[in-house]
Amino acid sequence: MTSLFQILMLLISVAKFIVIAHIIMSWLINFNVLNYRQPLVGQIWDGLTRLLEPVYGPIRRALPQMGGLDLAPLIVFLGIYAVEIVLRNNVAMFL
């Protein structure tokens, strides 16, 4: 059962990395550091967007319009962190 806990924590770490990579890449694209018309950047951006849009979409619809500010990645990151806290506090169930 310990391996199940470790696999869950690995999946949470990967999810956090993907969300953070998407956030940083969106900043770099918005500040014209990266150009998503370049093939590699475009492929990475498209892949991350396709991966995260099913998660961001319902959250964006539930949140009020904030102008140009998108809080969906923050909500997703906080949700992932909350799940990690719950798993770490209940690690005894996996032993």
PDB file of N, CA and C in Angstrom:
ATOM      1  N   MET A   1       0.812  -1.195   0.000  1.00  0.00           N
ATOM      2  CA  MET A   1       0.000   0.000   0.000  1.00  0.00           C
ATOM      3  C   MET A   1       0.857   1.262   0.000  1.00  0.00           C
ATOM      4  N   THR A   2       2.076   1.153   0.515  1.00  0.00           N
ATOM      5  CA  THR A   2       2.958   2.311   0.502  1.00  0.00           C
ATOM      6  C   THR A   2       3.264   2.730  -0.932  1.00  0.00           C
ATOM      7  N   SER A   3       3.389   1.745  -1.811  1.00  0.00           N
ATOM      8  CA  SER A   3       3.665   2.075  -3.208  1.00  0.00           C
ATOM      9  C   SER A   3       2.486   2.816  -3.838  1.00  0.00           C
ATOM     10  N   LEU A   4       1.260   2.508  -3.429  1.00  0.00           N
ATOM     11  CA  LEU A   4       0.089   3.232  -3.929  1.00  0.00           C
ATOM     12  C   LEU A   4       0.155   4.701  -3.512  1.00  0.00           C
ATOM     13  N   PHE A   5       0.539   4.946  -2.272  1.00  0.00           N
ATOM     14  CA  PHE A   5       0.693   6.315  -1.791  1.00  0.00           C
ATOM     15  C   PHE A   5       1.776   7.043  -2.588  1.00  0.00           C
ATOM     16  N   GLN A   6       2.890   6.375  -2.842  1.00  0.00           N
ATOM     17  CA  GLN A   6       3.973   6.987  -3.597  1.00  0.00           C
ATOM     18  C   GLN A   6       3.558   7.273  -5.041  1.00  0.00           C
ATOM     19  N   ILE A   7       2.774   6.390  -5.636  1.00  0.00           N
ATOM     20  CA  ILE A   7       2.289   6.624  -6.997  1.00  0.00           C
ATOM     21  C   ILE A   7       1.348   7.822  -7.020  1.00  0.00           C
ATOM     22  N   LEU A   8       0.453   7.918  -6.042  1.00  0.00           N
ATOM     23  CA  LEU A   8      -0.450   9.069  -5.964  1.00  0.00           C
ATOM     24  C   LEU A   8       0.321  10.372  -5.784  1.00  0.00           C
ATOM     25  N   MET A   9       1.341  10.355  -4.955  1.00  0.00           N
ATOM     26  CA  MET A   9       2.143  11.565  -4.745  1.00  0.00           C
ATOM     27  C   MET A   9       2.919  11.925  -6.012  1.00  0.00           C
ATOM     28  N   LEU A  10       3.378  10.920  -6.763  1.00  0.00           N
ATOM     29  CA  LEU A  10       4.054  11.169  -8.029  1.00  0.00           C
ATOM     30  C   LEU A  10       3.100  11.818  -9.035  1.00  0.00           C
ATOM     31  N   LEU A  11       1.875  11.309  -9.111  1.00  0.00           N
ATOM     32  CA  LEU A  11       0.886  11.891 -10.011  1.00  0.00           C
ATOM     33  C   LEU A  11       0.552  13.330  -9.626  1.00  0.00           C
ATOM     34  N   ILE A  12       0.487  13.606  -8.337  1.00  0.00           N
ATOM     35  CA  ILE A  12       0.232  14.974  -7.874  1.00  0.00           C
ATOM     36  C   ILE A  12       1.406  15.876  -8.237  1.00  0.00           C
ATOM     37  N   SER A  13       2.617  15.383  -8.095  1.00  0.00           N
ATOM     38  CA  SER A  13       3.792  16.172  -8.472  1.00  0.00           C
ATOM     39  C   SER A  13       3.809  16.472  -9.964  1.00  0.00           C
ATOM     40  N   VAL A  14       3.456  15.506 -10.775  1.00  0.00           N
ATOM     41  CA  VAL A  14       3.405  15.714 -12.226  1.00  0.00           C
ATOM     42  C   VAL A  14       2.323  16.734 -12.571  1.00  0.00           C
ATOM     43  N   ALA A  15       1.162  16.639 -11.914  1.00  0.00           N
ATOM     44  CA  ALA A  15       0.076  17.594 -12.167  1.00  0.00           C
ATOM     45  C   ALA A  15       0.503  19.010 -11.776  1.00  0.00           C
ATOM     46  N   LYS A  16       1.193  19.147 -10.648  1.00  0.00           N
ATOM     47  CA  LYS A  16       1.678  20.470 -10.243  1.00  0.00           C
ATOM     48  C   LYS A  16       2.676  21.007 -11.253  1.00  0.00           C
ATOM     49  N   PHE A  17       3.565  20.167 -11.736  1.00  0.00           N
ATOM     50  CA  PHE A  17       4.556  20.591 -12.722  1.00  0.00           C
ATOM     51  C   PHE A  17       3.877  21.058 -14.009  1.00  0.00           C
ATOM     52  N   ILE A  18       2.875  20.333 -14.462  1.00  0.00           N
ATOM     53  CA  ILE A  18       2.177  20.702 -15.695  1.00  0.00           C
ATOM     54  C   ILE A  18       1.476  22.046 -15.543  1.00  0.00           C
ATOM     55  N   VAL A  19       0.809  22.262 -14.410  1.00  0.00           N
ATOM     56  CA  VAL A  19       0.116  23.537 -14.183  1.00  0.00           C
ATOM     57  C   VAL A  19       1.120  24.685 -14.109  1.00  0.00           C
ATOM     58  N   ILE A  20       2.217  24.485 -13.388  1.00  0.00           N
ATOM     59  CA  ILE A  20       3.226  25.535 -13.276  1.00  0.00           C
ATOM     60  C   ILE A  20       3.867  25.817 -14.633  1.00  0.00           C
ATOM     61  N   ALA A  21       4.141  24.773 -15.410  1.00  0.00           N
ATOM     62  CA  ALA A  21       4.713  24.969 -16.744  1.00  0.00           C
ATOM     63  C   ALA A  21       3.750  25.753 -17.626  1.00  0.00           C
ATOM     64  N   HIS A  22       2.462  25.473 -17.529  1.00  0.00           N
ATOM     65  CA  HIS A  22       1.473  26.200 -18.324  1.00  0.00           C
ATOM     66  C   HIS A  22       1.406  27.667 -17.907  1.00  0.00           C
ATOM     67  N   ILE A  23       1.449  27.926 -16.607  1.00  0.00           N
ATOM     68  CA  ILE A  23       1.416  29.303 -16.107  1.00  0.00           C
ATOM     69  C   ILE A  23       2.631  30.082 -16.591  1.00  0.00           C
ATOM     70  N   ILE A  24       3.814  29.512 -16.426  1.00  0.00           N
ATOM     71  CA  ILE A  24       5.044  30.202 -16.825  1.00  0.00           C
ATOM     72  C   ILE A  24       5.085  30.406 -18.334  1.00  0.00           C
ATOM     73  N   MET A  25       4.654  29.403 -19.078  1.00  0.00           N
ATOM     74  CA  MET A  25       4.671  29.537 -20.526  1.00  0.00           C
ATOM     75  C   MET A  25       3.674  30.604 -20.987  1.00  0.00           C
ATOM     76  N   SER A  26       2.530  30.708 -20.326  1.00  0.00           N
ATOM     77  CA  SER A  26       1.570  31.751 -20.713  1.00  0.00           C
ATOM     78  C   SER A  26       2.139  33.140 -20.441  1.00  0.00           C
ATOM     79  N   TRP A  27       2.862  33.288 -19.336  1.00  0.00           N
ATOM     80  CA  TRP A  27       3.508  34.577 -19.052  1.00  0.00           C
ATOM     81  C   TRP A  27       4.543  34.906 -20.128  1.00  0.00           C
ATOM     82  N   LEU A  28       5.366  33.910 -20.471  1.00  0.00           N
ATOM     83  CA  LEU A  28       6.409  34.147 -21.467  1.00  0.00           C
ATOM     84  C   LEU A  28       5.822  34.473 -22.832  1.00  0.00           C
ATOM     85  N   ILE A  29       4.712  33.857 -23.181  1.00  0.00           N
ATOM     86  CA  ILE A  29       4.060  34.170 -24.453  1.00  0.00           C
ATOM     87  C   ILE A  29       3.445  35.557 -24.409  1.00  0.00           C
ATOM     88  N   ASN A  30       2.797  35.914 -23.300  1.00  0.00           N
ATOM     89  CA  ASN A  30       2.166  37.232 -23.194  1.00  0.00           C
ATOM     90  C   ASN A  30       3.175  38.376 -23.182  1.00  0.00           C
ATOM     91  N   PHE A  31       4.373  38.143 -22.660  1.00  0.00           N
ATOM     92  CA  PHE A  31       5.402  39.170 -22.635  1.00  0.00           C
ATOM     93  C   PHE A  31       6.339  39.095 -23.847  1.00  0.00           C
ATOM     94  N   ASN A  32       5.940  38.320 -24.848  1.00  0.00           N
ATOM     95  CA  ASN A  32       6.670  38.183 -26.112  1.00  0.00           C
ATOM     96  C   ASN A  32       8.095  37.663 -25.946  1.00  0.00           C
ATOM     97  N   VAL A  33       8.315  36.864 -24.934  1.00  0.00           N
ATOM     98  CA  VAL A  33       9.599  36.193 -24.803  1.00  0.00           C
ATOM     99  C   VAL A  33       9.592  34.942 -25.683  1.00  0.00           C
ATOM    100  N   LEU A  34       8.453  34.255 -25.706  1.00  0.00           N
ATOM    101  CA  LEU A  34       8.275  33.096 -26.574  1.00  0.00           C
ATOM    102  C   LEU A  34       7.266  33.442 -27.659  1.00  0.00           C
ATOM    103  N   ASN A  35       7.459  32.858 -28.814  1.00  0.00           N
ATOM    104  CA  ASN A  35       6.535  33.045 -29.920  1.00  0.00           C
ATOM    105  C   ASN A  35       5.895  31.697 -30.215  1.00  0.00           C
ATOM    106  N   TYR A  36       4.583  31.590 -29.999  1.00  0.00           N
ATOM    107  CA  TYR A  36       3.949  30.292 -30.185  1.00  0.00           C
ATOM    108  C   TYR A  36       3.782  29.925 -31.659  1.00  0.00           C
ATOM    109  N   ARG A  37       4.235  30.764 -32.575  1.00  0.00           N
ATOM    110  CA  ARG A  37       4.251  30.409 -33.995  1.00  0.00           C
ATOM    111  C   ARG A  37       5.460  29.534 -34.343  1.00  0.00           C
ATOM    112  N   GLN A  38       6.433  29.482 -33.441  1.00  0.00           N
ATOM    113  CA  GLN A  38       7.546  28.560 -33.636  1.00  0.00           C
ATOM    114  C   GLN A  38       7.027  27.132 -33.419  1.00  0.00           C
ATOM    115  N   PRO A  39       7.486  26.184 -34.202  1.00  0.00           N
ATOM    116  CA  PRO A  39       6.899  24.837 -34.144  1.00  0.00           C
ATOM    117  C   PRO A  39       6.969  24.183 -32.766  1.00  0.00           C
ATOM    118  N   LEU A  40       8.128  24.196 -32.123  1.00  0.00           N
ATOM    119  CA  LEU A  40       8.257  23.528 -30.834  1.00  0.00           C
ATOM    120  C   LEU A  40       7.420  24.214 -29.764  1.00  0.00           C
ATOM    121  N   VAL A  41       7.491  25.531 -29.701  1.00  0.00           N
ATOM    122  CA  VAL A  41       6.723  26.281 -28.711  1.00  0.00           C
ATOM    123  C   VAL A  41       5.235  26.074 -28.950  1.00  0.00           C
ATOM    124  N   GLY A  42       4.823  26.107 -30.209  1.00  0.00           N
ATOM    125  CA  GLY A  42       3.418  25.902 -30.533  1.00  0.00           C
ATOM    126  C   GLY A  42       2.916  24.527 -30.148  1.00  0.00           C
ATOM    127  N   GLN A  43       3.738  23.516 -30.368  1.00  0.00           N
ATOM    128  CA  GLN A  43       3.340  22.151 -30.016  1.00  0.00           C
ATOM    129  C   GLN A  43       3.230  21.987 -28.506  1.00  0.00           C
ATOM    130  N   ILE A  44       4.195  22.520 -27.773  1.00  0.00           N
ATOM    131  CA  ILE A  44       4.147  22.415 -26.310  1.00  0.00           C
ATOM    132  C   ILE A  44       2.945  23.177 -25.771  1.00  0.00           C
ATOM    133  N   TRP A  45       2.727  24.407 -26.287  1.00  0.00           N
ATOM    134  CA  TRP A  45       1.604  25.216 -25.822  1.00  0.00           C
ATOM    135  C   TRP A  45       0.274  24.534 -26.138  1.00  0.00           C
ATOM    136  N   ASP A  46       0.145  23.991 -27.344  1.00  0.00           N
ATOM    137  CA  ASP A  46      -1.088  23.317 -27.732  1.00  0.00           C
ATOM    138  C   ASP A  46      -1.325  22.074 -26.875  1.00  0.00           C
ATOM    139  N   GLY A  47      -0.273  21.323 -26.619  1.00  0.00           N
ATOM    140  CA  GLY A  47      -0.408  20.129 -25.780  1.00  0.00           C
ATOM    141  C   GLY A  47      -0.823  20.462 -24.356  1.00  0.00           C
ATOM    142  N   LEU A  48      -0.183  21.469 -23.776  1.00  0.00           N
ATOM    143  CA  LEU A  48      -0.542  21.860 -22.411  1.00  0.00           C
ATOM    144  C   LEU A  48      -1.965  22.409 -22.351  1.00  0.00           C
ATOM    145  N   THR A  49      -2.351  23.185 -23.353  1.00  0.00           N
ATOM    146  CA  THR A  49      -3.697  23.750 -23.371  1.00  0.00           C
ATOM    147  C   THR A  49      -4.743  22.658 -23.525  1.00  0.00           C
ATOM    148  N   ARG A  50      -4.488  21.712 -24.421  1.00  0.00           N
ATOM    149  CA  ARG A  50      -5.441  20.604 -24.593  1.00  0.00           C
ATOM    150  C   ARG A  50      -5.527  19.740 -23.342  1.00  0.00           C
ATOM    151  N   LEU A  51      -4.440  19.607 -22.638  1.00  0.00           N
ATOM    152  CA  LEU A  51      -4.420  18.799 -21.429  1.00  0.00           C
ATOM    153  C   LEU A  51      -5.150  19.485 -20.281  1.00  0.00           C
ATOM    154  N   LEU A  52      -5.004  20.793 -20.162  1.00  0.00           N
ATOM    155  CA  LEU A  52      -5.546  21.509 -19.015  1.00  0.00           C
ATOM    156  C   LEU A  52      -6.900  22.167 -19.257  1.00  0.00           C
ATOM    157  N   GLU A  53      -7.301  22.356 -20.495  1.00  0.00           N
ATOM    158  CA  GLU A  53      -8.572  23.037 -20.759  1.00  0.00           C
ATOM    159  C   GLU A  53      -9.786  22.300 -20.193  1.00  0.00           C
ATOM    160  N   PRO A  54      -9.846  20.955 -20.218  1.00  0.00           N
ATOM    161  CA  PRO A  54     -10.991  20.289 -19.575  1.00  0.00           C
ATOM    162  C   PRO A  54     -11.063  20.547 -18.060  1.00  0.00           C
ATOM    163  N   VAL A  55      -9.938  20.860 -17.455  1.00  0.00           N
ATOM    164  CA  VAL A  55      -9.931  21.171 -16.022  1.00  0.00           C
ATOM    165  C   VAL A  55     -10.253  22.648 -15.808  1.00  0.00           C
ATOM    166  N   TYR A  56      -9.665  23.512 -16.623  1.00  0.00           N
ATOM    167  CA  TYR A  56      -9.866  24.956 -16.472  1.00  0.00           C
ATOM    168  C   TYR A  56     -11.269  25.401 -16.875  1.00  0.00           C
ATOM    169  N   GLY A  57     -11.866  24.763 -17.875  1.00  0.00           N
ATOM    170  CA  GLY A  57     -13.142  25.192 -18.433  1.00  0.00           C
ATOM    171  C   GLY A  57     -14.258  25.319 -17.403  1.00  0.00           C
ATOM    172  N   PRO A  58     -14.564  24.260 -16.656  1.00  0.00           N
ATOM    173  CA  PRO A  58     -15.638  24.378 -15.663  1.00  0.00           C
ATOM    174  C   PRO A  58     -15.337  25.410 -14.571  1.00  0.00           C
ATOM    175  N   ILE A  59     -14.069  25.545 -14.221  1.00  0.00           N
ATOM    176  CA  ILE A  59     -13.701  26.529 -13.198  1.00  0.00           C
ATOM    177  C   ILE A  59     -13.897  27.939 -13.746  1.00  0.00           C
ATOM    178  N   ARG A  60     -13.522  28.164 -14.992  1.00  0.00           N
ATOM    179  CA  ARG A  60     -13.715  29.487 -15.610  1.00  0.00           C
ATOM    180  C   ARG A  60     -15.187  29.854 -15.701  1.00  0.00           C
ATOM    181  N   ARG A  61     -16.046  28.865 -15.980  1.00  0.00           N
ATOM    182  CA  ARG A  61     -17.470  29.151 -16.050  1.00  0.00           C
ATOM    183  C   ARG A  61     -18.053  29.463 -14.680  1.00  0.00           C
ATOM    184  N   ALA A  62     -17.497  28.877 -13.620  1.00  0.00           N
ATOM    185  CA  ALA A  62     -18.016  29.110 -12.268  1.00  0.00           C
ATOM    186  C   ALA A  62     -17.526  30.434 -11.678  1.00  0.00           C
ATOM    187  N   LEU A  63     -16.349  30.888 -12.099  1.00  0.00           N
ATOM    188  CA  LEU A  63     -15.798  32.133 -11.570  1.00  0.00           C
ATOM    189  C   LEU A  63     -16.398  33.340 -12.288  1.00  0.00           C
ATOM    190  N   PRO A  64     -16.536  34.463 -11.587  1.00  0.00           N
ATOM    191  CA  PRO A  64     -17.009  35.674 -12.274  1.00  0.00           C
ATOM    192  C   PRO A  64     -15.926  36.218 -13.201  1.00  0.00           C
ATOM    193  N   GLN A  65     -16.340  37.024 -14.184  1.00  0.00           N
ATOM    194  CA  GLN A  65     -15.397  37.643 -15.113  1.00  0.00           C
ATOM    195  C   GLN A  65     -14.511  38.625 -14.353  1.00  0.00           C
ATOM    196  N   MET A  66     -13.212  38.521 -14.564  1.00  0.00           N
ATOM    197  CA  MET A  66     -12.248  39.364 -13.856  1.00  0.00           C
ATOM    198  C   MET A  66     -11.468  40.245 -14.833  1.00  0.00           C
ATOM    199  N   GLY A  67     -12.054  40.554 -15.949  1.00  0.00           N
ATOM    200  CA  GLY A  67     -11.322  41.331 -16.950  1.00  0.00           C
ATOM    201  C   GLY A  67     -10.365  40.415 -17.686  1.00  0.00           C
ATOM    202  N   GLY A  68      -9.092  40.731 -17.666  1.00  0.00           N
ATOM    203  CA  GLY A  68      -8.087  39.905 -18.323  1.00  0.00           C
ATOM    204  C   GLY A  68      -7.410  38.923 -17.388  1.00  0.00           C
ATOM    205  N   LEU A  69      -7.857  38.842 -16.148  1.00  0.00           N
ATOM    206  CA  LEU A  69      -7.222  37.995 -15.145  1.00  0.00           C
ATOM    207  C   LEU A  69      -7.879  36.618 -15.115  1.00  0.00           C
ATOM    208  N   ASP A  70      -7.093  35.583 -15.292  1.00  0.00           N
ATOM    209  CA  ASP A  70      -7.592  34.213 -15.278  1.00  0.00           C
ATOM    210  C   ASP A  70      -7.154  33.548 -13.981  1.00  0.00           C
ATOM    211  N   LEU A  71      -8.098  33.261 -13.111  1.00  0.00           N
ATOM    212  CA  LEU A  71      -7.780  32.646 -11.827  1.00  0.00           C
ATOM    213  C   LEU A  71      -7.921  31.124 -11.839  1.00  0.00           C
ATOM    214  N   ALA A  72      -8.319  30.544 -12.957  1.00  0.00           N
ATOM    215  CA  ALA A  72      -8.504  29.095 -13.030  1.00  0.00           C
ATOM    216  C   ALA A  72      -7.226  28.324 -12.703  1.00  0.00           C
ATOM    217  N   PRO A  73      -6.049  28.706 -13.229  1.00  0.00           N
ATOM    218  CA  PRO A  73      -4.842  27.953 -12.851  1.00  0.00           C
ATOM    219  C   PRO A  73      -4.548  28.022 -11.345  1.00  0.00           C
ATOM    220  N   LEU A  74      -4.816  29.159 -10.737  1.00  0.00           N
ATOM    221  CA  LEU A  74      -4.601  29.286  -9.292  1.00  0.00           C
ATOM    222  C   LEU A  74      -5.532  28.360  -8.523  1.00  0.00           C
ATOM    223  N   ILE A  75      -6.793  28.299  -8.915  1.00  0.00           N
ATOM    224  CA  ILE A  75      -7.759  27.425  -8.253  1.00  0.00           C
ATOM    225  C   ILE A  75      -7.358  25.965  -8.422  1.00  0.00           C
ATOM    226  N   VAL A  76      -6.922  25.597  -9.621  1.00  0.00           N
ATOM    227  CA  VAL A  76      -6.485  24.216  -9.870  1.00  0.00           C
ATOM    228  C   VAL A  76      -5.259  23.893  -9.025  1.00  0.00           C
ATOM    229  N   PHE A  77      -4.311  24.817  -8.966  1.00  0.00           N
ATOM    230  CA  PHE A  77      -3.101  24.576  -8.174  1.00  0.00           C
ATOM    231  C   PHE A  77      -3.445  24.432  -6.695  1.00  0.00           C
ATOM    232  N   LEU A  78      -4.343  25.270  -6.175  1.00  0.00           N
ATOM    233  CA  LEU A  78      -4.762  25.154  -4.780  1.00  0.00           C
ATOM    234  C   LEU A  78      -5.503  23.845  -4.531  1.00  0.00           C
ATOM    235  N   GLY A  79      -6.295  23.404  -5.502  1.00  0.00           N
ATOM    236  CA  GLY A  79      -6.983  22.120  -5.364  1.00  0.00           C
ATOM    237  C   GLY A  79      -6.007  20.953  -5.315  1.00  0.00           C
ATOM    238  N   ILE A  80      -5.001  20.993  -6.166  1.00  0.00           N
ATOM    239  CA  ILE A  80      -3.979  19.940  -6.171  1.00  0.00           C
ATOM    240  C   ILE A  80      -3.244  19.935  -4.838  1.00  0.00           C
ATOM    241  N   TYR A  81      -2.918  21.115  -4.349  1.00  0.00           N
ATOM    242  CA  TYR A  81      -2.212  21.214  -3.070  1.00  0.00           C
ATOM    243  C   TYR A  81      -3.094  20.703  -1.927  1.00  0.00           C
ATOM    244  N   ALA A  82      -4.395  20.981  -1.971  1.00  0.00           N
ATOM    245  CA  ALA A  82      -5.313  20.494  -0.938  1.00  0.00           C
ATOM    246  C   ALA A  82      -5.388  18.969  -0.946  1.00  0.00           C
ATOM    247  N   VAL A  83      -5.426  18.372  -2.134  1.00  0.00           N
ATOM    248  CA  VAL A  83      -5.441  16.911  -2.236  1.00  0.00           C
ATOM    249  C   VAL A  83      -4.148  16.330  -1.678  1.00  0.00           C
ATOM    250  N   GLU A  84      -3.034  16.986  -1.959  1.00  0.00           N
ATOM    251  CA  GLU A  84      -1.750  16.529  -1.417  1.00  0.00           C
ATOM    252  C   GLU A  84      -1.746  16.583   0.108  1.00  0.00           C
ATOM    253  N   ILE A  85      -2.285  17.640   0.687  1.00  0.00           N
ATOM    254  CA  ILE A  85      -2.354  17.760   2.147  1.00  0.00           C
ATOM    255  C   ILE A  85      -3.215  16.648   2.727  1.00  0.00           C
ATOM    256  N   VAL A  86      -4.363  16.391   2.108  1.00  0.00           N
ATOM    257  CA  VAL A  86      -5.254  15.336   2.612  1.00  0.00           C
ATOM    258  C   VAL A  86      -4.552  13.985   2.550  1.00  0.00           C
ATOM    259  N   LEU A  87      -3.858  13.701   1.454  1.00  0.00           N
ATOM    260  CA  LEU A  87      -3.150  12.426   1.346  1.00  0.00           C
ATOM    261  C   LEU A  87      -2.030  12.310   2.373  1.00  0.00           C
ATOM    262  N   ARG A  88      -1.285  13.384   2.560  1.00  0.00           N
ATOM    263  CA  ARG A  88      -0.177  13.323   3.532  1.00  0.00           C
ATOM    264  C   ARG A  88      -0.691  13.167   4.972  1.00  0.00           C
ATOM    265  N   ASN A  89      -1.827  13.774   5.276  1.00  0.00           N
ATOM    266  CA  ASN A  89      -2.376  13.648   6.627  1.00  0.00           C
ATOM    267  C   ASN A  89      -3.021  12.311   6.864  1.00  0.00           C
ATOM    268  N   ASN A  90      -3.369  11.574   5.807  1.00  0.00           N
ATOM    269  CA  ASN A  90      -3.984  10.265   5.948  1.00  0.00           C
ATOM    270  C   ASN A  90      -3.078   9.158   5.427  1.00  0.00           C
ATOM    271  N   VAL A  91      -1.780   9.363   5.533  1.00  0.00           N
ATOM    272  CA  VAL A  91      -0.819   8.370   5.049  1.00  0.00           C
ATOM    273  C   VAL A  91      -0.932   7.067   5.840  1.00  0.00           C
ATOM    274  N   ALA A  92      -1.453   7.103   7.051  1.00  0.00           N
ATOM    275  CA  ALA A  92      -1.588   5.888   7.850  1.00  0.00           C
ATOM    276  C   ALA A  92      -2.552   4.901   7.199  1.00  0.00           C
ATOM    277  N   MET A  93      -3.482   5.386   6.399  1.00  0.00           N
ATOM    278  CA  MET A  93      -4.412   4.481   5.706  1.00  0.00           C
ATOM    279  C   MET A  93      -3.681   3.629   4.676  1.00  0.00           C
ATOM    280  N   PHE A  94      -2.557   4.107   4.177  1.00  0.00           N
ATOM    281  CA  PHE A  94      -1.824   3.401   3.132  1.00  0.00           C
ATOM    282  C   PHE A  94      -0.788   2.430   3.698  1.00  0.00           C
ATOM    283  N   LEU A  95      -0.594   2.429   4.996  1.00  0.00           N
ATOM    284  CA  LEU A  95       0.424   1.549   5.584  1.00  0.00           C
ATOM    285  C   LEU A  95      -0.161   0.214   5.972  1.00  0.00           C
TER     286      LEU A  95
END
